[in-house]
């Protein structure tokens, strides 16, 4: 069955921005963290968060976490897990879990082509039948999975805010692969609801820095941004 890539925020640090502000104040105060936390107004918290993010002193962002459930293809999960610092992963195992709900993600360019779309779905159904037949023959799941194409997987990811900001910076860029770009934009939308100040300026370099590091491979968005300035 065809499914769509999805990133769902299911948990996060209580008072994420207050944690960041408390850590920032502690570096320059004789007072303890509990006292500093209690004394700060919401306005002071927001001012401090904007200051540390704006100055690039983002180590204090590591004191707050965001926990996502992600549904994506294994093509994209392999890209996601390349980022290791400040990030933790747990992924559904094809060795132990039978893929009897054969879900998959179809790339947009294949969906737009009627012939390619039908061919894709037909092949997926054939491979599903073969996989289940191998299991019925007594082949272990860990061996039967070798016939599997690139299907949907489920993965949970914990990011600290600094690591998540880096992920968003890289993967919301138009040059990023389409599926991981969808997930990064969904993540940004979700965390802005619970930590709007931390992530108010998060995004690709063309939006945050006014420059594009892609050089000749640029998508051209930076030119449009500069025209509006």
N, C-alpha and C. Protein backbone atom coordinates (compact mmCIF):
# COMPACT_ATOMS: atom_id res chain seq x y z
N UNK A 1 0.84 -1.19 0.00
CA UNK A 1 0.00 0.00 0.00
C UNK A 1 0.88 1.25 0.00
N UNK A 2 0.48 2.21 -0.79
CA UNK A 2 1.25 3.45 -0.85
C UNK A 2 1.01 4.31 0.40
N UNK A 3 2.08 4.84 0.97
CA UNK A 3 1.98 5.74 2.12
C UNK A 3 2.84 6.98 1.85
N UNK A 4 2.72 7.97 2.69
CA UNK A 4 3.47 9.20 2.53
C UNK A 4 4.51 9.36 3.64
N UNK A 5 5.63 10.02 3.35
CA UNK A 5 6.62 10.29 4.40
C UNK A 5 6.01 11.21 5.46
N UNK A 6 6.33 10.92 6.73
CA UNK A 6 5.71 11.69 7.81
C UNK A 6 6.64 11.76 9.02
N UNK A 7 6.73 12.93 9.62
CA UNK A 7 7.50 13.12 10.86
C UNK A 7 6.56 13.66 11.92
N UNK A 8 6.45 12.95 13.03
CA UNK A 8 5.52 13.31 14.11
C UNK A 8 6.30 13.55 15.40
N UNK A 9 6.14 14.73 15.98
CA UNK A 9 6.77 15.04 17.27
C UNK A 9 5.92 14.41 18.37
N UNK A 10 6.49 13.44 19.08
CA UNK A 10 5.69 12.74 20.09
C UNK A 10 6.11 13.07 21.52
N UNK A 11 7.25 13.70 21.70
CA UNK A 11 7.67 14.12 23.04
C UNK A 11 8.79 15.14 22.91
N UNK A 12 8.98 15.92 23.96
CA UNK A 12 10.06 16.91 23.95
C UNK A 12 10.33 17.36 25.39
N UNK A 13 11.46 17.97 25.60
CA UNK A 13 11.84 18.46 26.92
C UNK A 13 10.84 19.50 27.41
N UNK A 14 10.42 19.38 28.66
CA UNK A 14 9.55 20.41 29.24
C UNK A 14 10.27 21.75 29.24
N UNK A 15 9.56 22.79 28.90
CA UNK A 15 10.12 24.15 28.89
C UNK A 15 11.46 24.21 28.14
N UNK A 16 11.47 23.82 26.88
CA UNK A 16 12.73 23.72 26.14
C UNK A 16 13.52 25.03 26.09
N UNK A 17 12.84 26.13 25.90
CA UNK A 17 13.56 27.41 25.78
C UNK A 17 14.06 27.90 27.14
N UNK A 18 13.34 27.58 28.19
CA UNK A 18 13.79 27.96 29.54
C UNK A 18 15.06 27.18 29.90
N UNK A 19 15.15 25.93 29.48
CA UNK A 19 16.38 25.16 29.72
C UNK A 19 17.58 25.83 29.06
N UNK A 20 17.40 26.27 27.83
CA UNK A 20 18.48 26.92 27.09
C UNK A 20 18.90 28.20 27.79
N UNK A 21 17.93 29.00 28.18
CA UNK A 21 18.23 30.27 28.84
C UNK A 21 18.90 30.06 30.19
N UNK A 22 18.45 29.07 30.95
CA UNK A 22 19.05 28.77 32.26
C UNK A 22 20.51 28.37 32.08
N UNK A 23 20.78 27.52 31.10
CA UNK A 23 22.16 27.10 30.84
C UNK A 23 23.03 28.28 30.45
N UNK A 24 22.47 29.18 29.66
CA UNK A 24 23.23 30.36 29.23
C UNK A 24 23.56 31.27 30.40
N UNK A 25 22.61 31.49 31.30
CA UNK A 25 22.84 32.37 32.46
C UNK A 25 23.82 31.75 33.45
N UNK A 26 23.74 30.43 33.59
CA UNK A 26 24.59 29.75 34.57
C UNK A 26 26.08 29.97 34.27
N UNK A 27 26.40 30.10 33.00
CA UNK A 27 27.81 30.27 32.62
C UNK A 27 28.41 31.56 33.18
N UNK A 28 27.54 32.53 33.52
CA UNK A 28 28.04 33.84 33.95
C UNK A 28 27.46 34.27 35.30
N UNK A 29 27.03 33.30 36.09
CA UNK A 29 26.40 33.64 37.36
C UNK A 29 26.90 32.74 38.49
N UNK A 30 26.93 33.29 39.70
CA UNK A 30 27.28 32.50 40.88
C UNK A 30 26.08 31.73 41.42
N UNK A 31 24.91 32.07 40.94
CA UNK A 31 23.69 31.42 41.42
C UNK A 31 23.55 30.02 40.82
N UNK A 32 22.76 29.19 41.48
CA UNK A 32 22.51 27.84 40.98
C UNK A 32 21.46 27.84 39.88
N UNK A 33 21.38 26.74 39.15
CA UNK A 33 20.47 26.65 38.02
C UNK A 33 19.01 26.78 38.44
N UNK A 34 18.64 26.15 39.58
CA UNK A 34 17.25 26.20 40.03
C UNK A 34 16.82 27.63 40.32
N UNK A 35 17.69 28.40 40.98
CA UNK A 35 17.36 29.77 41.31
C UNK A 35 17.27 30.63 40.06
N UNK A 36 18.19 30.45 39.15
CA UNK A 36 18.18 31.22 37.90
C UNK A 36 16.91 30.92 37.10
N UNK A 37 16.55 29.65 37.07
CA UNK A 37 15.36 29.24 36.33
C UNK A 37 14.11 29.90 36.91
N UNK A 38 14.03 29.89 38.21
CA UNK A 38 12.84 30.44 38.89
C UNK A 38 12.74 31.95 38.72
N UNK A 39 13.87 32.63 38.68
CA UNK A 39 13.87 34.10 38.63
C UNK A 39 13.53 34.67 37.26
N UNK A 40 13.78 33.92 36.21
CA UNK A 40 13.65 34.48 34.87
C UNK A 40 12.20 34.63 34.41
N UNK A 41 11.89 35.78 33.88
CA UNK A 41 10.58 35.99 33.26
C UNK A 41 10.59 35.38 31.86
N UNK A 42 9.42 35.22 31.28
CA UNK A 42 9.33 34.69 29.93
C UNK A 42 10.05 35.62 28.94
N UNK A 43 9.91 36.90 29.16
CA UNK A 43 10.58 37.87 28.29
C UNK A 43 12.10 37.72 28.34
N UNK A 44 12.63 37.50 29.55
CA UNK A 44 14.08 37.31 29.70
C UNK A 44 14.53 36.03 29.02
N UNK A 45 13.73 34.98 29.13
CA UNK A 45 14.04 33.72 28.48
C UNK A 45 14.15 33.92 26.97
N UNK A 46 13.18 34.59 26.40
CA UNK A 46 13.18 34.80 24.95
C UNK A 46 14.37 35.64 24.51
N UNK A 47 14.68 36.68 25.28
CA UNK A 47 15.83 37.53 24.94
C UNK A 47 17.13 36.73 24.95
N UNK A 48 17.32 35.89 25.96
CA UNK A 48 18.54 35.10 26.07
C UNK A 48 18.66 34.08 24.95
N UNK A 49 17.55 33.42 24.64
CA UNK A 49 17.57 32.43 23.57
C UNK A 49 17.93 33.09 22.24
N UNK A 50 17.32 34.21 21.95
CA UNK A 50 17.64 34.92 20.70
C UNK A 50 19.10 35.35 20.68
N UNK A 51 19.61 35.74 21.83
CA UNK A 51 21.00 36.20 21.89
C UNK A 51 21.97 35.06 21.62
N UNK A 52 21.79 33.90 22.28
CA UNK A 52 22.75 32.81 22.10
C UNK A 52 22.66 32.22 20.69
N UNK A 53 21.45 32.14 20.15
CA UNK A 53 21.31 31.63 18.79
C UNK A 53 21.92 32.61 17.79
N UNK A 54 21.64 33.89 18.00
CA UNK A 54 22.15 34.91 17.09
C UNK A 54 23.67 35.01 17.10
N UNK A 55 24.27 34.78 18.25
CA UNK A 55 25.73 34.85 18.38
C UNK A 55 26.41 33.55 17.97
N UNK A 56 25.62 32.52 17.76
CA UNK A 56 26.20 31.23 17.39
C UNK A 56 26.72 30.45 18.58
N UNK A 57 26.37 30.87 19.81
CA UNK A 57 26.78 30.15 21.02
C UNK A 57 25.75 29.05 21.30
N UNK A 58 25.72 28.06 20.44
CA UNK A 58 24.61 27.10 20.45
C UNK A 58 24.85 25.86 21.31
N UNK A 59 25.92 25.83 22.07
CA UNK A 59 26.13 24.67 22.94
C UNK A 59 25.01 24.54 23.97
N UNK A 60 24.42 25.67 24.37
CA UNK A 60 23.34 25.63 25.36
C UNK A 60 22.07 25.00 24.78
N UNK A 61 21.97 24.92 23.46
CA UNK A 61 20.81 24.27 22.85
C UNK A 61 20.82 22.76 23.06
N UNK A 62 21.96 22.24 23.48
CA UNK A 62 22.08 20.79 23.66
C UNK A 62 21.36 20.29 24.92
N UNK A 63 20.81 21.19 25.70
CA UNK A 63 20.14 20.81 26.94
C UNK A 63 18.64 20.58 26.76
N UNK A 64 18.18 20.56 25.51
CA UNK A 64 16.77 20.30 25.27
C UNK A 64 16.62 19.34 24.10
N UNK A 65 15.66 18.42 24.20
CA UNK A 65 15.52 17.34 23.23
C UNK A 65 14.12 17.28 22.61
N UNK A 66 14.09 16.73 21.40
CA UNK A 66 12.84 16.53 20.67
C UNK A 66 12.82 15.10 20.13
N UNK A 67 11.71 14.41 20.37
CA UNK A 67 11.59 12.98 20.07
C UNK A 67 10.55 12.79 18.96
N UNK A 68 10.98 12.29 17.81
CA UNK A 68 10.11 12.13 16.64
C UNK A 68 9.88 10.67 16.29
N UNK A 69 8.68 10.41 15.78
CA UNK A 69 8.42 9.15 15.08
C UNK A 69 8.38 9.50 13.60
N UNK A 70 9.19 8.79 12.82
CA UNK A 70 9.31 9.10 11.39
C UNK A 70 8.94 7.88 10.56
N UNK A 71 8.12 8.12 9.57
CA UNK A 71 7.75 7.11 8.57
C UNK A 71 8.37 7.54 7.24
N UNK A 72 9.22 6.71 6.68
CA UNK A 72 9.90 7.09 5.45
C UNK A 72 10.39 5.84 4.74
N UNK A 73 10.95 6.00 3.55
CA UNK A 73 11.55 4.87 2.85
C UNK A 73 12.90 4.56 3.47
N UNK A 74 13.39 3.36 3.22
CA UNK A 74 14.72 3.00 3.71
C UNK A 74 15.81 3.77 2.96
N UNK A 75 15.51 4.26 1.77
CA UNK A 75 16.45 5.15 1.07
C UNK A 75 16.74 6.36 1.94
N UNK A 76 15.68 6.95 2.48
CA UNK A 76 15.83 8.17 3.27
C UNK A 76 16.32 7.88 4.68
N UNK A 77 15.91 6.77 5.28
CA UNK A 77 16.40 6.47 6.63
C UNK A 77 17.92 6.30 6.63
N UNK A 78 18.47 5.78 5.53
CA UNK A 78 19.93 5.64 5.43
C UNK A 78 20.61 7.01 5.41
N UNK A 79 19.94 8.00 4.82
CA UNK A 79 20.48 9.36 4.82
C UNK A 79 20.38 9.99 6.22
N UNK A 80 19.23 9.78 6.86
CA UNK A 80 18.98 10.40 8.16
C UNK A 80 20.02 9.96 9.19
N UNK A 81 20.34 8.66 9.24
CA UNK A 81 21.21 8.15 10.29
C UNK A 81 22.68 8.50 10.09
N UNK A 82 23.01 9.20 9.02
CA UNK A 82 24.39 9.65 8.85
C UNK A 82 24.75 10.70 9.89
N UNK A 83 23.77 11.42 10.38
CA UNK A 83 24.02 12.43 11.41
C UNK A 83 24.01 11.75 12.77
N UNK A 84 25.14 11.76 13.46
CA UNK A 84 25.27 11.01 14.70
C UNK A 84 25.39 11.88 15.95
N UNK A 85 26.04 13.03 15.84
CA UNK A 85 26.30 13.84 17.03
C UNK A 85 25.00 14.47 17.53
N UNK A 86 24.70 14.23 18.82
CA UNK A 86 23.51 14.81 19.44
C UNK A 86 22.21 14.18 18.95
N UNK A 87 22.30 12.98 18.37
CA UNK A 87 21.13 12.34 17.78
C UNK A 87 21.14 10.85 18.13
N UNK A 88 19.95 10.29 18.41
CA UNK A 88 19.83 8.86 18.70
C UNK A 88 18.72 8.26 17.84
N UNK A 89 18.91 6.99 17.44
CA UNK A 89 17.97 6.34 16.53
C UNK A 89 17.59 4.95 17.02
N UNK A 90 16.36 4.55 16.74
CA UNK A 90 15.92 3.16 16.88
C UNK A 90 14.99 2.88 15.71
N UNK A 91 15.31 1.82 14.94
CA UNK A 91 14.57 1.54 13.72
C UNK A 91 13.96 0.15 13.76
N UNK A 92 12.76 0.02 13.17
CA UNK A 92 12.11 -1.28 13.10
C UNK A 92 12.98 -2.29 12.37
N UNK A 93 13.09 -3.49 12.92
CA UNK A 93 13.97 -4.52 12.37
C UNK A 93 13.25 -5.40 11.37
N UNK A 94 13.83 -5.55 10.18
CA UNK A 94 13.28 -6.48 9.20
C UNK A 94 13.72 -7.91 9.49
N UNK A 95 14.63 -8.04 10.44
CA UNK A 95 15.07 -9.38 10.82
C UNK A 95 14.03 -10.09 11.68
N UNK A 96 13.31 -9.32 12.49
CA UNK A 96 12.37 -9.90 13.44
C UNK A 96 10.91 -9.60 13.13
N UNK A 97 10.65 -8.50 12.40
CA UNK A 97 9.28 -8.10 12.11
C UNK A 97 8.92 -8.51 10.68
N UNK A 98 7.85 -9.27 10.52
CA UNK A 98 7.40 -9.68 9.19
C UNK A 98 6.77 -8.49 8.47
N UNK A 99 7.20 -8.25 7.24
CA UNK A 99 6.67 -7.13 6.46
C UNK A 99 5.39 -7.56 5.74
N UNK A 100 4.35 -7.93 6.53
CA UNK A 100 3.10 -8.35 5.92
C UNK A 100 2.19 -7.17 5.61
N UNK A 101 2.50 -5.99 6.14
CA UNK A 101 1.86 -4.76 5.69
C UNK A 101 2.86 -4.07 4.77
N UNK A 102 2.77 -4.39 3.50
CA UNK A 102 3.81 -4.02 2.54
C UNK A 102 3.60 -2.58 2.10
N UNK A 103 4.00 -1.64 2.93
CA UNK A 103 3.83 -0.23 2.63
C UNK A 103 5.06 0.32 1.93
N UNK A 104 4.85 1.22 1.02
CA UNK A 104 5.96 1.79 0.28
C UNK A 104 5.64 3.23 -0.12
N UNK A 105 6.68 3.96 -0.44
CA UNK A 105 6.56 5.36 -0.83
C UNK A 105 6.94 5.48 -2.30
N UNK A 106 6.08 6.14 -3.08
CA UNK A 106 6.32 6.30 -4.51
C UNK A 106 6.85 7.70 -4.79
N UNK A 107 8.01 7.83 -5.41
CA UNK A 107 8.55 9.15 -5.75
C UNK A 107 7.58 9.94 -6.63
N UNK A 108 7.46 11.24 -6.43
CA UNK A 108 6.51 12.07 -7.18
C UNK A 108 6.66 11.96 -8.70
N UNK A 109 7.90 11.87 -9.20
CA UNK A 109 8.10 11.83 -10.64
C UNK A 109 7.60 10.52 -11.24
N UNK A 110 7.59 9.45 -10.46
CA UNK A 110 7.01 8.19 -10.93
C UNK A 110 5.49 8.27 -10.90
N UNK A 111 4.94 8.89 -9.87
CA UNK A 111 3.48 9.01 -9.76
C UNK A 111 2.90 9.84 -10.91
N UNK A 112 3.66 10.81 -11.38
CA UNK A 112 3.16 11.68 -12.45
C UNK A 112 3.13 10.98 -13.80
N UNK A 113 3.86 9.88 -13.92
CA UNK A 113 3.90 9.12 -15.17
C UNK A 113 3.00 7.89 -15.00
N UNK A 114 1.89 7.88 -15.70
CA UNK A 114 0.89 6.83 -15.51
C UNK A 114 1.46 5.43 -15.75
N UNK A 115 2.23 5.28 -16.81
CA UNK A 115 2.81 3.97 -17.13
C UNK A 115 3.82 3.55 -16.07
N UNK A 116 4.67 4.48 -15.66
CA UNK A 116 5.69 4.18 -14.65
C UNK A 116 5.04 3.86 -13.30
N UNK A 117 3.97 4.59 -12.99
CA UNK A 117 3.25 4.39 -11.72
C UNK A 117 2.69 2.96 -11.65
N UNK A 118 2.04 2.53 -12.73
CA UNK A 118 1.46 1.19 -12.76
C UNK A 118 2.56 0.12 -12.68
N UNK A 119 3.64 0.32 -13.42
CA UNK A 119 4.75 -0.63 -13.41
C UNK A 119 5.33 -0.77 -12.01
N UNK A 120 5.49 0.37 -11.33
CA UNK A 120 6.05 0.40 -9.98
C UNK A 120 5.18 -0.41 -9.03
N UNK A 121 3.88 -0.14 -9.04
CA UNK A 121 2.96 -0.82 -8.12
C UNK A 121 2.87 -2.32 -8.41
N UNK A 122 2.87 -2.68 -9.70
CA UNK A 122 2.81 -4.10 -10.05
C UNK A 122 4.04 -4.84 -9.53
N UNK A 123 5.22 -4.25 -9.68
CA UNK A 123 6.46 -4.89 -9.22
C UNK A 123 6.47 -5.02 -7.70
N UNK A 124 5.96 -4.02 -7.02
CA UNK A 124 5.90 -4.07 -5.56
C UNK A 124 5.02 -5.22 -5.10
N UNK A 125 3.87 -5.39 -5.78
CA UNK A 125 2.96 -6.47 -5.41
C UNK A 125 3.59 -7.84 -5.67
N UNK A 126 4.33 -7.96 -6.77
CA UNK A 126 5.01 -9.23 -7.08
C UNK A 126 6.05 -9.57 -6.01
N UNK A 127 6.81 -8.57 -5.59
CA UNK A 127 7.86 -8.80 -4.59
C UNK A 127 7.27 -9.11 -3.23
N UNK A 128 6.14 -8.48 -2.91
CA UNK A 128 5.46 -8.80 -1.65
C UNK A 128 5.03 -10.27 -1.63
N UNK A 129 4.45 -10.71 -2.73
CA UNK A 129 4.00 -12.11 -2.81
C UNK A 129 5.19 -13.06 -2.66
N UNK A 130 6.30 -12.75 -3.32
CA UNK A 130 7.49 -13.60 -3.25
C UNK A 130 8.04 -13.65 -1.83
N UNK A 131 8.10 -12.51 -1.19
CA UNK A 131 8.60 -12.42 0.19
C UNK A 131 7.77 -13.29 1.14
N UNK A 132 6.45 -13.16 1.06
CA UNK A 132 5.56 -13.93 1.94
C UNK A 132 5.61 -15.43 1.63
N UNK A 133 5.78 -15.76 0.35
CA UNK A 133 5.89 -17.17 -0.03
C UNK A 133 7.17 -17.78 0.54
N UNK A 134 8.26 -17.03 0.53
CA UNK A 134 9.51 -17.52 1.10
C UNK A 134 9.35 -17.82 2.58
N UNK A 135 8.66 -16.94 3.29
CA UNK A 135 8.43 -17.15 4.73
C UNK A 135 7.57 -18.38 4.95
N UNK A 136 6.53 -18.56 4.12
CA UNK A 136 5.67 -19.74 4.24
C UNK A 136 6.44 -21.04 3.98
N UNK A 137 7.51 -20.94 3.18
CA UNK A 137 8.36 -22.10 2.88
C UNK A 137 9.33 -22.40 4.02
N UNK A 138 9.29 -21.57 5.07
CA UNK A 138 10.16 -21.79 6.22
C UNK A 138 11.46 -21.01 6.17
N UNK A 139 11.60 -20.12 5.20
CA UNK A 139 12.79 -19.29 5.12
C UNK A 139 12.73 -18.25 6.25
N UNK A 140 13.78 -18.10 7.06
CA UNK A 140 13.76 -17.11 8.13
C UNK A 140 13.53 -15.70 7.59
N UNK A 141 12.86 -14.87 8.38
CA UNK A 141 12.60 -13.49 7.96
C UNK A 141 13.89 -12.75 7.63
N UNK A 142 14.95 -13.06 8.39
CA UNK A 142 16.21 -12.36 8.16
C UNK A 142 16.83 -12.70 6.81
N UNK A 143 16.42 -13.82 6.21
CA UNK A 143 16.88 -14.20 4.88
C UNK A 143 15.88 -13.79 3.80
N UNK A 144 14.60 -13.94 4.10
CA UNK A 144 13.56 -13.57 3.13
C UNK A 144 13.62 -12.08 2.80
N UNK A 145 14.06 -11.29 3.74
CA UNK A 145 14.09 -9.83 3.53
C UNK A 145 15.04 -9.42 2.41
N UNK A 146 15.94 -10.30 1.99
CA UNK A 146 16.87 -9.96 0.92
C UNK A 146 16.16 -9.70 -0.40
N UNK A 147 14.92 -10.19 -0.53
CA UNK A 147 14.15 -9.95 -1.74
C UNK A 147 13.41 -8.62 -1.69
N UNK A 148 13.37 -8.02 -0.52
CA UNK A 148 12.58 -6.80 -0.35
C UNK A 148 13.15 -5.63 -1.14
N UNK A 149 12.27 -4.86 -1.77
CA UNK A 149 12.69 -3.61 -2.40
C UNK A 149 12.79 -2.51 -1.35
N UNK A 150 12.90 -1.28 -1.79
CA UNK A 150 12.94 -0.17 -0.85
C UNK A 150 11.52 0.14 -0.39
N UNK A 151 11.17 -0.35 0.80
CA UNK A 151 9.83 -0.12 1.32
C UNK A 151 9.88 0.82 2.51
N UNK A 152 8.70 1.09 3.03
CA UNK A 152 8.59 2.03 4.15
C UNK A 152 9.17 1.43 5.42
N UNK A 153 9.77 2.29 6.24
CA UNK A 153 10.26 1.87 7.54
C UNK A 153 9.78 2.86 8.60
N UNK A 154 9.87 2.43 9.83
CA UNK A 154 9.54 3.30 10.97
C UNK A 154 10.78 3.47 11.82
N UNK A 155 11.04 4.70 12.21
CA UNK A 155 12.23 4.99 13.01
C UNK A 155 11.89 6.09 14.01
N UNK A 156 12.40 5.95 15.24
CA UNK A 156 12.25 7.03 16.22
C UNK A 156 13.60 7.72 16.36
N UNK A 157 13.55 9.03 16.47
CA UNK A 157 14.76 9.84 16.48
C UNK A 157 14.68 10.86 17.61
N UNK A 158 15.75 10.94 18.40
CA UNK A 158 15.88 11.99 19.40
C UNK A 158 16.99 12.95 18.98
N UNK A 159 16.64 14.21 18.87
CA UNK A 159 17.62 15.25 18.56
C UNK A 159 17.73 16.20 19.75
N UNK A 160 18.96 16.66 20.07
CA UNK A 160 18.99 17.86 20.88
C UNK A 160 18.76 19.03 19.92
N UNK A 161 18.41 20.19 20.46
CA UNK A 161 18.01 21.31 19.61
C UNK A 161 19.11 21.76 18.66
N UNK A 162 20.35 21.68 19.11
CA UNK A 162 21.47 22.08 18.26
C UNK A 162 21.60 21.14 17.06
N UNK A 163 21.51 19.84 17.31
CA UNK A 163 21.60 18.86 16.25
C UNK A 163 20.43 18.96 15.28
N UNK A 164 19.24 19.19 15.82
CA UNK A 164 18.06 19.33 14.97
C UNK A 164 18.16 20.57 14.09
N UNK A 165 18.68 21.66 14.64
CA UNK A 165 18.84 22.88 13.85
C UNK A 165 19.80 22.63 12.68
N UNK A 166 20.86 21.85 12.94
CA UNK A 166 21.81 21.52 11.89
C UNK A 166 21.14 20.66 10.81
N UNK A 167 20.35 19.67 11.24
CA UNK A 167 19.63 18.81 10.30
C UNK A 167 18.69 19.65 9.43
N UNK A 168 17.96 20.55 10.04
CA UNK A 168 17.02 21.40 9.31
C UNK A 168 17.76 22.30 8.33
N UNK A 169 18.89 22.82 8.74
CA UNK A 169 19.69 23.69 7.87
C UNK A 169 20.11 22.96 6.58
N UNK A 170 20.54 21.70 6.72
CA UNK A 170 21.00 20.94 5.57
C UNK A 170 19.85 20.40 4.73
N UNK A 171 18.79 19.94 5.39
CA UNK A 171 17.79 19.15 4.69
C UNK A 171 16.55 19.91 4.24
N UNK A 172 16.42 21.19 4.62
CA UNK A 172 15.34 22.00 4.04
C UNK A 172 15.80 22.70 2.77
N UNK A 173 17.06 22.57 2.45
CA UNK A 173 17.61 23.13 1.22
C UNK A 173 16.96 22.44 0.01
N UNK A 174 16.68 23.20 -1.03
CA UNK A 174 16.07 22.62 -2.23
C UNK A 174 16.96 21.60 -2.92
N UNK A 175 18.24 21.61 -2.58
CA UNK A 175 19.17 20.65 -3.18
C UNK A 175 19.13 19.30 -2.45
N UNK A 176 18.48 19.25 -1.30
CA UNK A 176 18.36 17.99 -0.56
C UNK A 176 17.40 17.06 -1.30
N UNK A 177 17.53 15.75 -1.05
CA UNK A 177 16.65 14.77 -1.68
C UNK A 177 15.20 15.05 -1.27
N UNK A 178 14.26 14.85 -2.16
CA UNK A 178 12.89 15.31 -1.97
C UNK A 178 12.23 14.76 -0.71
N UNK A 179 12.44 13.49 -0.39
CA UNK A 179 11.73 12.90 0.75
C UNK A 179 12.28 13.42 2.08
N UNK A 180 13.59 13.51 2.18
CA UNK A 180 14.17 14.00 3.43
C UNK A 180 13.84 15.49 3.61
N UNK A 181 13.66 16.19 2.50
CA UNK A 181 13.27 17.60 2.57
C UNK A 181 11.86 17.75 3.14
N UNK A 182 10.96 16.86 2.73
CA UNK A 182 9.60 16.86 3.28
C UNK A 182 9.64 16.65 4.79
N UNK A 183 10.43 15.66 5.23
CA UNK A 183 10.51 15.36 6.66
C UNK A 183 11.11 16.52 7.45
N UNK A 184 12.17 17.13 6.91
CA UNK A 184 12.81 18.25 7.61
C UNK A 184 11.84 19.42 7.77
N UNK A 185 11.07 19.69 6.75
CA UNK A 185 10.10 20.80 6.84
C UNK A 185 8.98 20.49 7.81
N UNK A 186 8.57 19.21 7.87
CA UNK A 186 7.56 18.82 8.86
C UNK A 186 8.10 18.96 10.28
N UNK A 187 9.35 18.54 10.48
CA UNK A 187 9.97 18.68 11.79
C UNK A 187 10.04 20.13 12.22
N UNK A 188 10.46 20.99 11.30
CA UNK A 188 10.55 22.42 11.62
C UNK A 188 9.19 22.98 11.99
N UNK A 189 8.18 22.61 11.26
CA UNK A 189 6.82 23.08 11.57
C UNK A 189 6.38 22.63 12.96
N UNK A 190 6.70 21.37 13.31
CA UNK A 190 6.31 20.83 14.61
C UNK A 190 7.04 21.52 15.77
N UNK A 191 8.35 21.70 15.65
CA UNK A 191 9.10 22.26 16.78
C UNK A 191 8.84 23.76 16.94
N UNK A 192 8.43 24.42 15.89
CA UNK A 192 8.08 25.85 16.02
C UNK A 192 6.85 26.04 16.91
N UNK A 193 6.04 24.99 17.04
CA UNK A 193 4.86 25.08 17.90
C UNK A 193 5.24 25.07 19.38
N UNK A 194 6.34 24.38 19.72
CA UNK A 194 6.70 24.21 21.13
C UNK A 194 7.96 24.98 21.53
N UNK A 195 8.76 25.38 20.55
CA UNK A 195 9.97 26.16 20.82
C UNK A 195 10.14 27.21 19.72
N UNK A 196 9.18 28.15 19.63
CA UNK A 196 9.17 29.10 18.51
C UNK A 196 10.37 30.03 18.46
N UNK A 197 10.93 30.37 19.62
CA UNK A 197 12.05 31.30 19.63
C UNK A 197 13.34 30.61 19.18
N UNK A 198 13.56 29.40 19.66
CA UNK A 198 14.75 28.66 19.25
C UNK A 198 14.81 28.52 17.74
N UNK A 199 13.67 28.20 17.13
CA UNK A 199 13.66 27.85 15.71
C UNK A 199 13.06 28.94 14.82
N UNK A 200 12.92 30.16 15.35
CA UNK A 200 12.26 31.19 14.55
C UNK A 200 13.03 31.55 13.29
N UNK A 201 14.34 31.37 13.29
CA UNK A 201 15.14 31.68 12.11
C UNK A 201 15.80 30.44 11.50
N UNK A 202 15.31 29.27 11.87
CA UNK A 202 15.88 28.03 11.34
C UNK A 202 15.44 27.82 9.90
N UNK A 203 16.32 27.22 9.11
CA UNK A 203 16.00 26.97 7.71
C UNK A 203 17.26 26.80 6.89
N UNK A 204 17.14 26.78 5.58
CA UNK A 204 18.31 26.62 4.72
C UNK A 204 19.19 27.87 4.74
N UNK A 205 20.48 27.75 4.39
CA UNK A 205 21.41 28.88 4.44
C UNK A 205 20.96 30.11 3.64
N UNK A 206 20.28 29.88 2.52
CA UNK A 206 19.85 31.02 1.71
C UNK A 206 18.89 31.92 2.49
N UNK A 207 18.08 31.32 3.37
CA UNK A 207 17.13 32.08 4.17
C UNK A 207 17.74 32.62 5.45
N UNK A 208 18.61 31.83 6.08
CA UNK A 208 19.16 32.23 7.38
C UNK A 208 20.40 33.12 7.26
N UNK A 209 21.22 32.86 6.23
CA UNK A 209 22.49 33.58 6.08
C UNK A 209 22.53 34.52 4.89
N UNK A 210 21.55 34.39 4.02
CA UNK A 210 21.56 35.23 2.82
C UNK A 210 22.62 34.82 1.82
N UNK A 211 23.03 33.55 1.87
CA UNK A 211 24.02 33.05 0.92
C UNK A 211 23.80 31.56 0.68
N UNK A 212 24.28 31.07 -0.47
CA UNK A 212 24.11 29.67 -0.82
C UNK A 212 25.47 29.00 -0.94
N UNK A 213 25.71 27.92 -0.17
CA UNK A 213 26.99 27.22 -0.24
C UNK A 213 27.10 26.25 -1.40
N UNK A 214 26.05 26.12 -2.22
CA UNK A 214 26.04 25.13 -3.28
C UNK A 214 26.76 25.57 -4.55
N UNK A 215 27.13 26.85 -4.63
CA UNK A 215 27.88 27.34 -5.78
C UNK A 215 27.12 27.17 -7.09
N UNK A 216 27.77 26.55 -8.09
CA UNK A 216 27.15 26.36 -9.41
C UNK A 216 25.95 25.42 -9.36
N UNK A 217 25.82 24.67 -8.29
CA UNK A 217 24.70 23.74 -8.15
C UNK A 217 23.49 24.37 -7.46
N UNK A 218 23.56 25.65 -7.20
CA UNK A 218 22.47 26.36 -6.51
C UNK A 218 21.15 26.19 -7.27
N UNK A 219 20.05 26.10 -6.51
CA UNK A 219 18.73 25.99 -7.13
C UNK A 219 18.25 27.32 -7.68
N UNK A 220 18.92 28.41 -7.31
CA UNK A 220 18.53 29.74 -7.79
C UNK A 220 17.68 30.53 -6.82
N UNK A 221 17.31 29.91 -5.70
CA UNK A 221 16.45 30.60 -4.73
C UNK A 221 17.13 31.82 -4.13
N UNK A 222 18.45 31.73 -3.94
CA UNK A 222 19.19 32.85 -3.34
C UNK A 222 19.09 34.10 -4.19
N UNK A 223 19.03 33.95 -5.50
CA UNK A 223 18.91 35.11 -6.39
C UNK A 223 17.58 35.81 -6.18
N UNK A 224 16.52 35.04 -5.99
CA UNK A 224 15.20 35.62 -5.76
C UNK A 224 15.16 36.33 -4.41
N UNK A 225 15.85 35.76 -3.41
CA UNK A 225 15.88 36.39 -2.09
C UNK A 225 16.60 37.72 -2.16
N UNK A 226 17.71 37.76 -2.87
CA UNK A 226 18.49 39.01 -3.00
C UNK A 226 17.73 40.07 -3.78
N UNK A 227 16.90 39.66 -4.74
CA UNK A 227 16.11 40.61 -5.50
C UNK A 227 15.10 41.36 -4.63
N UNK A 228 14.62 40.67 -3.60
CA UNK A 228 13.62 41.25 -2.71
C UNK A 228 14.23 42.16 -1.66
N UNK A 229 15.54 42.06 -1.46
CA UNK A 229 16.19 42.85 -0.39
C UNK A 229 16.41 44.30 -0.83
